[in-house]
Structures are given as structure tokens and as C-alpha cells.
């Protein structure tokens, strides 16, 4: 008899938490970059710009990590 695969609920909840962090970073990154570009004459221009770019890169990374975690919870881990 064929074994039915079940969704791993713990891994799925971890993936959803990662995606929520991604959502936060997706809003925070462009907002901080916009604030930096609108205040380019201030002394905090460069640190805010670097922080905003790091938030955007973090959003991309957590997006891929969250999708990967959700896929592992649904289909299992097939590493060879």
C-alpha cells in the first residue's frame, strides 16, 4: 500500500513566520530608501541608504528561504 504524505505543520508554521518577516522587510526597505533619498542633504543619508538596501536584500533572502521552507513542509525533503 502506498503511504500518503502529510504536511509537516511545524515546518509550515516556521515558513509562514519567515514569510511574515519578509512582508515586514518588503515594506520597511523601500520606505527607508525613500526617506534616505528625500533627505540627501542630511548627515544620516548614507547610513539610512545602506540600511534600506540591507532591508531590501533581506526581504529577497527571506522570501526565498520562506518559500523553500513551505515547499519542504508540503513535499518533504528530497536531498540526494
N, C-alpha and C. Protein backbone atom coordinates (compact mmCIF):
# COMPACT_ATOMS: atom_id res chain seq x y z
N UNK A 1 0.82 -1.18 0.00
CA UNK A 1 0.00 0.00 0.00
C UNK A 1 0.87 1.25 0.00
N UNK A 2 0.42 2.24 -0.71
CA UNK A 2 1.21 3.47 -0.83
C UNK A 2 0.96 4.37 0.38
N UNK A 3 2.04 4.91 0.89
CA UNK A 3 1.95 5.78 2.06
C UNK A 3 1.56 7.19 1.61
N UNK A 4 0.58 7.77 2.29
CA UNK A 4 0.18 9.14 1.94
C UNK A 4 1.06 10.12 2.69
N UNK A 5 1.46 11.17 1.99
CA UNK A 5 2.31 12.18 2.60
C UNK A 5 1.44 13.22 3.29
N UNK A 6 1.90 13.65 4.44
CA UNK A 6 1.19 14.66 5.21
C UNK A 6 2.04 15.90 5.30
N UNK A 7 1.38 17.02 5.48
CA UNK A 7 2.08 18.29 5.66
C UNK A 7 2.64 18.36 7.06
N UNK A 8 3.92 18.73 7.15
CA UNK A 8 4.56 18.91 8.44
C UNK A 8 4.15 20.28 8.98
N UNK A 9 3.29 20.29 9.98
CA UNK A 9 2.70 21.53 10.49
C UNK A 9 3.73 22.46 11.13
N UNK A 10 4.72 21.87 11.82
CA UNK A 10 5.74 22.71 12.48
C UNK A 10 6.58 23.44 11.44
N UNK A 11 6.99 22.73 10.41
CA UNK A 11 7.81 23.35 9.37
C UNK A 11 6.98 24.37 8.59
N UNK A 12 5.71 24.08 8.37
CA UNK A 12 4.84 25.03 7.68
C UNK A 12 4.68 26.31 8.49
N UNK A 13 4.50 26.19 9.80
CA UNK A 13 4.37 27.41 10.62
C UNK A 13 5.67 28.20 10.64
N UNK A 14 6.81 27.51 10.60
CA UNK A 14 8.10 28.20 10.52
C UNK A 14 8.21 28.96 9.20
N UNK A 15 7.77 28.34 8.11
CA UNK A 15 7.79 29.00 6.80
C UNK A 15 6.88 30.21 6.75
N UNK A 16 5.73 30.12 7.39
CA UNK A 16 4.81 31.27 7.42
C UNK A 16 5.39 32.41 8.25
N UNK A 17 6.08 32.07 9.36
CA UNK A 17 6.74 33.11 10.15
C UNK A 17 7.84 33.80 9.35
N UNK A 18 8.59 33.03 8.58
CA UNK A 18 9.63 33.63 7.73
C UNK A 18 9.00 34.54 6.69
N UNK A 19 7.87 34.13 6.13
CA UNK A 19 7.19 34.97 5.14
C UNK A 19 6.64 36.25 5.76
N UNK A 20 6.22 36.20 7.03
CA UNK A 20 5.77 37.42 7.70
C UNK A 20 6.93 38.39 7.92
N UNK A 21 8.10 37.85 8.25
CA UNK A 21 9.29 38.70 8.37
C UNK A 21 9.61 39.32 7.01
N UNK A 22 9.46 38.54 5.96
CA UNK A 22 9.69 39.04 4.61
C UNK A 22 8.73 40.18 4.28
N UNK A 23 7.48 40.03 4.66
CA UNK A 23 6.49 41.07 4.40
C UNK A 23 6.86 42.36 5.12
N UNK A 24 7.31 42.24 6.35
CA UNK A 24 7.76 43.41 7.09
C UNK A 24 8.94 44.09 6.40
N UNK A 25 9.90 43.30 5.97
CA UNK A 25 11.07 43.86 5.30
C UNK A 25 10.72 44.45 3.93
N UNK A 26 9.72 43.88 3.25
CA UNK A 26 9.31 44.40 1.95
C UNK A 26 8.71 45.79 2.05
N UNK A 27 8.11 46.12 3.18
CA UNK A 27 7.60 47.46 3.38
C UNK A 27 8.65 48.40 3.98
N UNK A 28 9.47 47.87 4.89
CA UNK A 28 10.45 48.72 5.58
C UNK A 28 11.57 49.15 4.65
N UNK A 29 12.05 48.26 3.80
CA UNK A 29 13.18 48.58 2.92
C UNK A 29 12.92 49.75 2.00
N UNK A 30 11.90 49.69 1.15
CA UNK A 30 11.64 50.83 0.26
C UNK A 30 11.27 52.11 1.01
N UNK A 31 10.64 51.97 2.18
CA UNK A 31 10.31 53.16 2.96
C UNK A 31 11.57 53.86 3.45
N UNK A 32 12.52 53.09 3.97
CA UNK A 32 13.77 53.67 4.46
C UNK A 32 14.58 54.25 3.30
N UNK A 33 14.59 53.58 2.15
CA UNK A 33 15.30 54.11 0.98
C UNK A 33 14.66 55.42 0.52
N UNK A 34 13.35 55.49 0.53
CA UNK A 34 12.66 56.73 0.15
C UNK A 34 12.99 57.86 1.13
N UNK A 35 13.01 57.55 2.41
CA UNK A 35 13.36 58.56 3.41
C UNK A 35 14.79 59.04 3.19
N UNK A 36 15.69 58.12 2.88
CA UNK A 36 17.08 58.50 2.64
C UNK A 36 17.20 59.39 1.41
N UNK A 37 16.51 59.06 0.31
CA UNK A 37 16.61 59.86 -0.90
C UNK A 37 15.93 61.22 -0.75
N UNK A 38 14.94 61.32 0.10
CA UNK A 38 14.27 62.61 0.27
C UNK A 38 15.05 63.53 1.22
N UNK A 39 16.04 63.00 1.94
CA UNK A 39 16.87 63.80 2.83
C UNK A 39 18.34 63.65 2.48
N UNK A 40 18.68 63.85 1.20
CA UNK A 40 20.06 63.62 0.78
C UNK A 40 21.04 64.68 1.26
N UNK A 41 20.56 65.76 1.85
CA UNK A 41 21.47 66.78 2.38
C UNK A 41 21.75 66.59 3.87
N UNK A 42 21.13 65.63 4.50
CA UNK A 42 21.31 65.37 5.93
C UNK A 42 22.52 64.46 6.16
N UNK A 43 23.08 64.48 7.37
CA UNK A 43 24.25 63.63 7.64
C UNK A 43 23.93 62.13 7.73
N UNK A 44 22.68 61.76 7.94
CA UNK A 44 22.31 60.34 8.03
C UNK A 44 21.90 59.75 6.68
N UNK A 45 22.21 60.45 5.59
CA UNK A 45 21.81 59.98 4.26
C UNK A 45 22.44 58.62 3.94
N UNK A 46 23.75 58.50 4.07
CA UNK A 46 24.44 57.25 3.71
C UNK A 46 24.04 56.09 4.64
N UNK A 47 24.03 56.28 5.97
CA UNK A 47 23.61 55.14 6.81
C UNK A 47 22.17 54.69 6.56
N UNK A 48 21.26 55.64 6.32
CA UNK A 48 19.87 55.25 6.02
C UNK A 48 19.78 54.52 4.68
N UNK A 49 20.54 54.98 3.71
CA UNK A 49 20.52 54.32 2.41
C UNK A 49 21.06 52.90 2.51
N UNK A 50 22.14 52.72 3.24
CA UNK A 50 22.71 51.38 3.43
C UNK A 50 21.73 50.49 4.18
N UNK A 51 21.09 51.02 5.23
CA UNK A 51 20.10 50.25 5.99
C UNK A 51 18.92 49.84 5.11
N UNK A 52 18.43 50.76 4.29
CA UNK A 52 17.32 50.45 3.40
C UNK A 52 17.67 49.38 2.37
N UNK A 53 18.89 49.46 1.83
CA UNK A 53 19.32 48.45 0.86
C UNK A 53 19.48 47.09 1.55
N UNK A 54 20.00 47.09 2.77
CA UNK A 54 20.10 45.83 3.52
C UNK A 54 18.73 45.23 3.80
N UNK A 55 17.75 46.09 4.12
CA UNK A 55 16.38 45.60 4.32
C UNK A 55 15.83 44.97 3.05
N UNK A 56 16.09 45.59 1.89
CA UNK A 56 15.60 45.06 0.62
C UNK A 56 16.26 43.72 0.29
N UNK A 57 17.57 43.63 0.51
CA UNK A 57 18.27 42.36 0.27
C UNK A 57 17.77 41.30 1.25
N UNK A 58 17.52 41.69 2.50
CA UNK A 58 16.98 40.76 3.48
C UNK A 58 15.60 40.26 3.10
N UNK A 59 14.79 41.14 2.50
CA UNK A 59 13.46 40.73 2.05
C UNK A 59 13.56 39.68 0.95
N UNK A 60 14.49 39.87 0.02
CA UNK A 60 14.67 38.89 -1.06
C UNK A 60 15.14 37.56 -0.49
N UNK A 61 16.10 37.60 0.42
CA UNK A 61 16.63 36.37 1.02
C UNK A 61 15.54 35.62 1.80
N UNK A 62 14.79 36.35 2.64
CA UNK A 62 13.76 35.68 3.44
C UNK A 62 12.60 35.19 2.57
N UNK A 63 12.36 35.84 1.43
CA UNK A 63 11.34 35.35 0.51
C UNK A 63 11.71 33.96 0.00
N UNK A 64 12.94 33.81 -0.49
CA UNK A 64 13.36 32.51 -0.99
C UNK A 64 13.43 31.47 0.12
N UNK A 65 13.90 31.87 1.30
CA UNK A 65 14.00 30.94 2.42
C UNK A 65 12.60 30.50 2.87
N UNK A 66 11.65 31.43 2.91
CA UNK A 66 10.29 31.09 3.32
C UNK A 66 9.60 30.16 2.34
N UNK A 67 9.77 30.44 1.03
CA UNK A 67 9.17 29.57 0.02
C UNK A 67 9.79 28.18 0.08
N UNK A 68 11.11 28.13 0.26
CA UNK A 68 11.78 26.83 0.36
C UNK A 68 11.28 26.05 1.57
N UNK A 69 11.11 26.72 2.70
CA UNK A 69 10.64 26.05 3.91
C UNK A 69 9.22 25.53 3.74
N UNK A 70 8.37 26.32 3.11
CA UNK A 70 6.99 25.88 2.87
C UNK A 70 6.95 24.69 1.91
N UNK A 71 7.79 24.72 0.89
CA UNK A 71 7.84 23.59 -0.04
C UNK A 71 8.33 22.32 0.65
N UNK A 72 9.30 22.45 1.53
CA UNK A 72 9.77 21.29 2.28
C UNK A 72 8.65 20.74 3.17
N UNK A 73 7.86 21.62 3.76
CA UNK A 73 6.78 21.14 4.63
C UNK A 73 5.70 20.43 3.82
N UNK A 74 5.47 20.85 2.60
CA UNK A 74 4.42 20.23 1.78
C UNK A 74 4.87 18.94 1.12
N UNK A 75 6.07 18.92 0.56
CA UNK A 75 6.50 17.80 -0.25
C UNK A 75 7.58 16.94 0.38
N UNK A 76 8.11 17.37 1.52
CA UNK A 76 9.19 16.62 2.14
C UNK A 76 10.53 17.04 1.59
N UNK A 77 11.55 16.52 2.21
CA UNK A 77 12.90 16.90 1.80
C UNK A 77 13.50 15.77 0.97
N UNK A 78 13.83 16.05 -0.27
CA UNK A 78 14.38 15.05 -1.19
C UNK A 78 15.81 15.40 -1.54
N UNK A 79 16.70 15.32 -0.59
CA UNK A 79 18.12 15.58 -0.87
C UNK A 79 18.81 14.28 -1.15
N UNK A 80 19.61 14.28 -2.19
CA UNK A 80 20.31 13.05 -2.58
C UNK A 80 21.79 13.21 -2.41
